[in-house]
Amino acid sequence: MDSSAARLLRGFLEPCLLSLLAEHADYGLSLAQRLTAAGLDEVPGGTLYPALMRLEKRGLVAVSWRPSVSGPARKYYELTKAGRTELAARRSEWRTFSTAVGDIIEGRKVRTEAPS
């Protein structure tokens, strides 16, 4: 996870996971595949699973074990009510942040005076 996209994702991995889990409960490998399919760099397990554990410890996701047709049971993560509340707050923060950064990078907002 060394590319510039991967460095940017570090700060946004948890809200991305919350967003994916808002669609449906899922297990780690599938979440990693969904992130990759969305166009992000591959997220290694050493990054993904600690993020999921942090979300669980904060009560934003609940876990359950479900049987798998292709091997042992899988640990599924599901958004809690607190997780949905957190996701709404993160989405609001994201809209504000991404608009501001986009304006700066695209040259739509340029400071006209030097700070005093």
N, C-alpha and C. Protein backbone atom coordinates (compact mmCIF):
# COMPACT_ATOMS: atom_id res chain seq x y z
N MET A 1 0.84 -1.17 0.00
CA MET A 1 0.00 0.00 0.00
C MET A 1 0.89 1.23 0.00
N ASP A 2 1.61 1.47 -1.11
CA ASP A 2 2.57 2.55 -1.15
C ASP A 2 2.22 3.66 -2.13
N SER A 3 1.23 3.48 -2.98
CA SER A 3 0.91 4.50 -3.96
C SER A 3 0.29 5.72 -3.29
N SER A 4 0.22 6.81 -4.05
CA SER A 4 -0.38 8.02 -3.48
C SER A 4 -1.86 7.78 -3.17
N ALA A 5 -2.55 6.99 -3.98
CA ALA A 5 -3.95 6.68 -3.70
C ALA A 5 -4.06 5.91 -2.38
N ALA A 6 -3.13 5.01 -2.14
CA ALA A 6 -3.15 4.23 -0.89
C ALA A 6 -2.90 5.14 0.31
N ARG A 7 -1.99 6.10 0.16
CA ARG A 7 -1.72 7.03 1.27
C ARG A 7 -2.96 7.87 1.58
N LEU A 8 -3.65 8.30 0.54
CA LEU A 8 -4.88 9.06 0.75
C LEU A 8 -5.96 8.20 1.40
N LEU A 9 -6.04 6.94 1.01
CA LEU A 9 -7.09 6.06 1.53
C LEU A 9 -6.96 5.82 3.02
N ARG A 10 -5.76 5.86 3.54
CA ARG A 10 -5.57 5.58 4.97
C ARG A 10 -6.50 6.42 5.83
N GLY A 11 -6.69 7.67 5.51
CA GLY A 11 -7.56 8.53 6.28
C GLY A 11 -9.03 8.33 6.00
N PHE A 12 -9.33 7.62 4.92
CA PHE A 12 -10.72 7.48 4.50
C PHE A 12 -11.21 6.04 4.48
N LEU A 13 -10.37 5.12 4.92
CA LEU A 13 -10.74 3.71 4.87
C LEU A 13 -11.97 3.42 5.73
N GLU A 14 -12.00 3.93 6.95
CA GLU A 14 -13.13 3.63 7.83
C GLU A 14 -14.45 4.13 7.27
N PRO A 15 -14.54 5.39 6.79
CA PRO A 15 -15.82 5.80 6.21
C PRO A 15 -16.17 5.01 4.94
N CYS A 16 -15.16 4.60 4.18
CA CYS A 16 -15.44 3.76 3.01
C CYS A 16 -16.03 2.42 3.45
N LEU A 17 -15.48 1.84 4.49
CA LEU A 17 -16.01 0.57 5.00
C LEU A 17 -17.43 0.75 5.52
N LEU A 18 -17.67 1.82 6.26
CA LEU A 18 -19.03 2.08 6.76
C LEU A 18 -20.00 2.21 5.59
N SER A 19 -19.59 2.88 4.54
CA SER A 19 -20.46 3.06 3.37
C SER A 19 -20.76 1.72 2.71
N LEU A 20 -19.76 0.88 2.56
CA LEU A 20 -19.99 -0.44 1.96
C LEU A 20 -20.91 -1.28 2.84
N LEU A 21 -20.71 -1.20 4.14
CA LEU A 21 -21.54 -1.99 5.04
C LEU A 21 -22.96 -1.44 5.16
N ALA A 22 -23.17 -0.18 4.78
CA ALA A 22 -24.52 0.37 4.76
C ALA A 22 -25.36 -0.33 3.69
N GLU A 23 -24.69 -0.84 2.65
CA GLU A 23 -25.39 -1.56 1.57
C GLU A 23 -25.82 -2.94 2.05
N HIS A 24 -24.91 -3.66 2.71
CA HIS A 24 -25.22 -4.98 3.25
C HIS A 24 -24.05 -5.48 4.10
N ALA A 25 -24.36 -6.39 5.02
CA ALA A 25 -23.33 -7.01 5.84
C ALA A 25 -22.36 -7.75 4.92
N ASP A 26 -21.11 -7.83 5.33
CA ASP A 26 -20.12 -8.47 4.46
C ASP A 26 -18.94 -8.95 5.31
N TYR A 27 -18.08 -9.76 4.70
CA TYR A 27 -16.88 -10.26 5.38
C TYR A 27 -15.64 -9.59 4.78
N GLY A 28 -14.53 -9.70 5.49
CA GLY A 28 -13.32 -8.97 5.16
C GLY A 28 -12.85 -9.08 3.72
N LEU A 29 -12.64 -10.28 3.23
CA LEU A 29 -12.12 -10.45 1.87
C LEU A 29 -13.06 -9.83 0.85
N SER A 30 -14.34 -10.00 1.02
CA SER A 30 -15.30 -9.41 0.10
C SER A 30 -15.24 -7.89 0.15
N LEU A 31 -15.08 -7.32 1.34
CA LEU A 31 -14.96 -5.86 1.45
C LEU A 31 -13.71 -5.38 0.71
N ALA A 32 -12.61 -6.09 0.86
CA ALA A 32 -11.38 -5.73 0.15
C ALA A 32 -11.60 -5.78 -1.36
N GLN A 33 -12.29 -6.80 -1.83
CA GLN A 33 -12.57 -6.93 -3.26
C GLN A 33 -13.48 -5.81 -3.75
N ARG A 34 -14.44 -5.42 -2.93
CA ARG A 34 -15.35 -4.32 -3.31
C ARG A 34 -14.60 -2.99 -3.37
N LEU A 35 -13.66 -2.78 -2.47
CA LEU A 35 -12.85 -1.57 -2.52
C LEU A 35 -12.02 -1.54 -3.80
N THR A 36 -11.42 -2.67 -4.14
CA THR A 36 -10.63 -2.77 -5.37
C THR A 36 -11.51 -2.55 -6.59
N ALA A 37 -12.69 -3.17 -6.61
CA ALA A 37 -13.61 -3.03 -7.74
C ALA A 37 -14.07 -1.58 -7.90
N ALA A 38 -14.07 -0.82 -6.81
CA ALA A 38 -14.47 0.59 -6.87
C ALA A 38 -13.35 1.46 -7.44
N GLY A 39 -12.18 0.86 -7.65
CA GLY A 39 -11.08 1.60 -8.25
C GLY A 39 -9.97 1.97 -7.30
N LEU A 40 -10.04 1.49 -6.06
CA LEU A 40 -8.97 1.77 -5.11
C LEU A 40 -7.90 0.71 -5.21
N ASP A 41 -6.71 1.04 -4.76
CA ASP A 41 -5.63 0.06 -4.72
C ASP A 41 -6.03 -1.08 -3.80
N GLU A 42 -5.39 -2.21 -3.98
CA GLU A 42 -5.64 -3.35 -3.11
C GLU A 42 -5.32 -2.96 -1.67
N VAL A 43 -6.24 -3.25 -0.77
CA VAL A 43 -6.04 -2.95 0.64
C VAL A 43 -5.61 -4.23 1.33
N PRO A 44 -4.39 -4.29 1.84
CA PRO A 44 -3.92 -5.52 2.48
C PRO A 44 -4.65 -5.80 3.78
N GLY A 45 -4.69 -7.06 4.15
CA GLY A 45 -5.34 -7.48 5.39
C GLY A 45 -4.79 -6.78 6.61
N GLY A 46 -3.49 -6.47 6.60
CA GLY A 46 -2.86 -5.79 7.72
C GLY A 46 -3.35 -4.36 7.90
N THR A 47 -4.03 -3.84 6.90
CA THR A 47 -4.65 -2.52 6.98
C THR A 47 -6.15 -2.64 7.19
N LEU A 48 -6.76 -3.57 6.46
CA LEU A 48 -8.21 -3.73 6.48
C LEU A 48 -8.72 -4.23 7.84
N TYR A 49 -8.16 -5.31 8.34
CA TYR A 49 -8.70 -5.92 9.56
C TYR A 49 -8.52 -5.06 10.81
N PRO A 50 -7.41 -4.35 10.97
CA PRO A 50 -7.34 -3.43 12.11
C PRO A 50 -8.40 -2.31 12.01
N ALA A 51 -8.70 -1.84 10.79
CA ALA A 51 -9.74 -0.82 10.63
C ALA A 51 -11.10 -1.39 11.04
N LEU A 52 -11.38 -2.61 10.62
CA LEU A 52 -12.65 -3.25 11.00
C LEU A 52 -12.72 -3.46 12.51
N MET A 53 -11.60 -3.81 13.12
CA MET A 53 -11.56 -4.02 14.56
C MET A 53 -11.82 -2.70 15.30
N ARG A 54 -11.26 -1.61 14.79
CA ARG A 54 -11.51 -0.30 15.41
C ARG A 54 -13.00 0.05 15.34
N LEU A 55 -13.60 -0.21 14.19
CA LEU A 55 -15.03 0.07 14.03
C LEU A 55 -15.86 -0.78 14.99
N GLU A 56 -15.45 -2.03 15.16
CA GLU A 56 -16.16 -2.92 16.09
C GLU A 56 -16.01 -2.43 17.53
N LYS A 57 -14.79 -2.06 17.92
CA LYS A 57 -14.55 -1.60 19.29
C LYS A 57 -15.33 -0.33 19.60
N ARG A 58 -15.57 0.48 18.60
CA ARG A 58 -16.31 1.73 18.79
C ARG A 58 -17.82 1.50 18.71
N GLY A 59 -18.23 0.26 18.47
CA GLY A 59 -19.65 -0.06 18.42
C GLY A 59 -20.33 0.37 17.13
N LEU A 60 -19.54 0.61 16.09
CA LEU A 60 -20.10 1.06 14.81
C LEU A 60 -20.47 -0.11 13.91
N VAL A 61 -19.86 -1.26 14.17
CA VAL A 61 -20.23 -2.49 13.46
C VAL A 61 -20.40 -3.61 14.48
N ALA A 62 -21.28 -4.51 14.14
CA ALA A 62 -21.47 -5.73 14.94
C ALA A 62 -20.93 -6.89 14.11
N VAL A 63 -20.47 -7.92 14.77
CA VAL A 63 -19.93 -9.07 14.04
C VAL A 63 -20.75 -10.32 14.35
N SER A 64 -20.76 -11.20 13.37
CA SER A 64 -21.39 -12.51 13.54
C SER A 64 -20.65 -13.49 12.64
N TRP A 65 -20.71 -14.74 13.02
CA TRP A 65 -20.08 -15.78 12.22
C TRP A 65 -21.16 -16.47 11.40
N ARG A 66 -20.87 -16.64 10.11
CA ARG A 66 -21.84 -17.28 9.21
C ARG A 66 -21.13 -18.40 8.46
N PRO A 67 -21.86 -19.50 8.22
CA PRO A 67 -21.24 -20.59 7.47
C PRO A 67 -20.86 -20.16 6.06
N SER A 68 -19.86 -20.82 5.53
CA SER A 68 -19.42 -20.56 4.16
C SER A 68 -19.51 -21.86 3.37
N VAL A 69 -19.92 -21.78 2.12
CA VAL A 69 -19.99 -22.97 1.29
C VAL A 69 -18.60 -23.40 0.82
N SER A 70 -17.61 -22.49 0.93
CA SER A 70 -16.28 -22.80 0.41
C SER A 70 -15.22 -22.94 1.49
N GLY A 71 -15.62 -23.23 2.74
CA GLY A 71 -14.62 -23.39 3.78
C GLY A 71 -15.21 -23.09 5.15
N PRO A 72 -14.34 -22.65 6.06
CA PRO A 72 -14.81 -22.38 7.42
C PRO A 72 -15.76 -21.19 7.47
N ALA A 73 -16.43 -21.04 8.60
CA ALA A 73 -17.35 -19.92 8.79
C ALA A 73 -16.60 -18.60 8.62
N ARG A 74 -17.33 -17.59 8.18
CA ARG A 74 -16.74 -16.27 7.95
C ARG A 74 -17.27 -15.27 8.97
N LYS A 75 -16.41 -14.33 9.32
CA LYS A 75 -16.79 -13.27 10.24
C LYS A 75 -17.41 -12.14 9.41
N TYR A 76 -18.69 -11.89 9.64
CA TYR A 76 -19.41 -10.85 8.91
C TYR A 76 -19.51 -9.60 9.78
N TYR A 77 -19.43 -8.46 9.12
CA TYR A 77 -19.55 -7.17 9.76
C TYR A 77 -20.83 -6.52 9.29
N GLU A 78 -21.56 -5.92 10.24
CA GLU A 78 -22.83 -5.29 9.91
C GLU A 78 -22.90 -3.95 10.64
N LEU A 79 -23.38 -2.94 9.94
CA LEU A 79 -23.50 -1.62 10.53
C LEU A 79 -24.52 -1.61 11.66
N THR A 80 -24.17 -0.96 12.75
CA THR A 80 -25.10 -0.77 13.87
C THR A 80 -25.81 0.57 13.70
N LYS A 81 -26.73 0.85 14.57
CA LYS A 81 -27.41 2.16 14.54
C LYS A 81 -26.38 3.27 14.73
N ALA A 82 -25.46 3.06 15.67
CA ALA A 82 -24.39 4.05 15.89
C ALA A 82 -23.52 4.19 14.64
N GLY A 83 -23.31 3.09 13.93
CA GLY A 83 -22.54 3.13 12.69
C GLY A 83 -23.23 3.95 11.62
N ARG A 84 -24.55 3.83 11.54
CA ARG A 84 -25.31 4.62 10.56
C ARG A 84 -25.24 6.11 10.90
N THR A 85 -25.30 6.43 12.19
CA THR A 85 -25.18 7.82 12.63
C THR A 85 -23.80 8.36 12.29
N GLU A 86 -22.78 7.57 12.58
CA GLU A 86 -21.40 7.96 12.27
C GLU A 86 -21.22 8.15 10.77
N LEU A 87 -21.78 7.25 9.98
CA LEU A 87 -21.66 7.36 8.52
C LEU A 87 -22.30 8.65 8.02
N ALA A 88 -23.45 9.00 8.54
CA ALA A 88 -24.11 10.25 8.12
C ALA A 88 -23.21 11.45 8.44
N ALA A 89 -22.59 11.44 9.62
CA ALA A 89 -21.70 12.54 9.99
C ALA A 89 -20.47 12.58 9.09
N ARG A 90 -19.89 11.40 8.82
CA ARG A 90 -18.70 11.34 7.96
C ARG A 90 -19.02 11.77 6.54
N ARG A 91 -20.21 11.43 6.03
CA ARG A 91 -20.60 11.85 4.69
C ARG A 91 -20.73 13.36 4.62
N SER A 92 -21.28 13.97 5.65
CA SER A 92 -21.40 15.42 5.69
C SER A 92 -20.01 16.07 5.71
N GLU A 93 -19.13 15.56 6.56
CA GLU A 93 -17.76 16.06 6.62
C GLU A 93 -17.07 15.91 5.27
N TRP A 94 -17.28 14.76 4.62
CA TRP A 94 -16.66 14.48 3.34
C TRP A 94 -17.11 15.49 2.27
N ARG A 95 -18.40 15.78 2.24
CA ARG A 95 -18.91 16.73 1.24
C ARG A 95 -18.22 18.09 1.40
N THR A 96 -18.11 18.56 2.63
CA THR A 96 -17.47 19.85 2.89
C THR A 96 -15.99 19.80 2.52
N PHE A 97 -15.31 18.76 2.98
CA PHE A 97 -13.88 18.63 2.73
C PHE A 97 -13.58 18.47 1.24
N SER A 98 -14.29 17.58 0.57
CA SER A 98 -13.99 17.32 -0.84
C SER A 98 -14.29 18.53 -1.71
N THR A 99 -15.31 19.28 -1.36
CA THR A 99 -15.60 20.51 -2.11
C THR A 99 -14.47 21.51 -1.95
N ALA A 100 -14.02 21.71 -0.71
CA ALA A 100 -12.94 22.67 -0.45
C ALA A 100 -11.65 22.26 -1.16
N VAL A 101 -11.26 21.00 -1.04
CA VAL A 101 -10.03 20.53 -1.67
C VAL A 101 -10.16 20.61 -3.20
N GLY A 102 -11.30 20.19 -3.71
CA GLY A 102 -11.52 20.27 -5.16
C GLY A 102 -11.42 21.69 -5.67
N ASP A 103 -12.00 22.63 -4.93
CA ASP A 103 -11.93 24.04 -5.34
C ASP A 103 -10.49 24.53 -5.37
N ILE A 104 -9.72 24.16 -4.37
CA ILE A 104 -8.32 24.59 -4.32
C ILE A 104 -7.51 23.95 -5.45
N ILE A 105 -7.61 22.63 -5.58
CA ILE A 105 -6.81 21.92 -6.58
C ILE A 105 -7.20 22.33 -8.00
N GLU A 106 -8.46 22.54 -8.23
CA GLU A 106 -8.93 22.93 -9.56
C GLU A 106 -8.78 24.43 -9.81
N GLY A 107 -8.31 25.18 -8.83
CA GLY A 107 -8.09 26.60 -9.00
C GLY A 107 -9.36 27.43 -8.97
N ARG A 108 -10.43 26.88 -8.42
CA ARG A 108 -11.68 27.63 -8.35
C ARG A 108 -11.67 28.64 -7.21
N LYS A 109 -10.91 28.35 -6.17
CA LYS A 109 -10.79 29.28 -5.05
C LYS A 109 -9.30 29.52 -4.81
N VAL A 110 -8.89 30.72 -5.08
CA VAL A 110 -7.49 31.07 -4.89
C VAL A 110 -7.44 32.27 -3.96
N ARG A 111 -6.60 32.19 -2.98
CA ARG A 111 -6.43 33.30 -2.04
C ARG A 111 -5.88 34.50 -2.80
N THR A 112 -6.50 35.62 -2.65
CA THR A 112 -6.06 36.81 -3.39
C THR A 112 -5.16 37.71 -2.56
N GLU A 113 -5.17 37.54 -1.25
CA GLU A 113 -4.33 38.36 -0.39
C GLU A 113 -3.44 37.46 0.45
N ALA A 114 -2.24 37.90 0.68
CA ALA A 114 -1.35 37.16 1.56
C ALA A 114 -1.82 37.34 2.99
N PRO A 115 -1.70 36.30 3.83
CA PRO A 115 -2.12 36.46 5.23
C PRO A 115 -1.25 37.49 5.93
N SER A 116 -1.80 38.20 6.88
CA SER A 116 -1.06 39.25 7.61
C SER A 116 -0.15 38.65 8.63
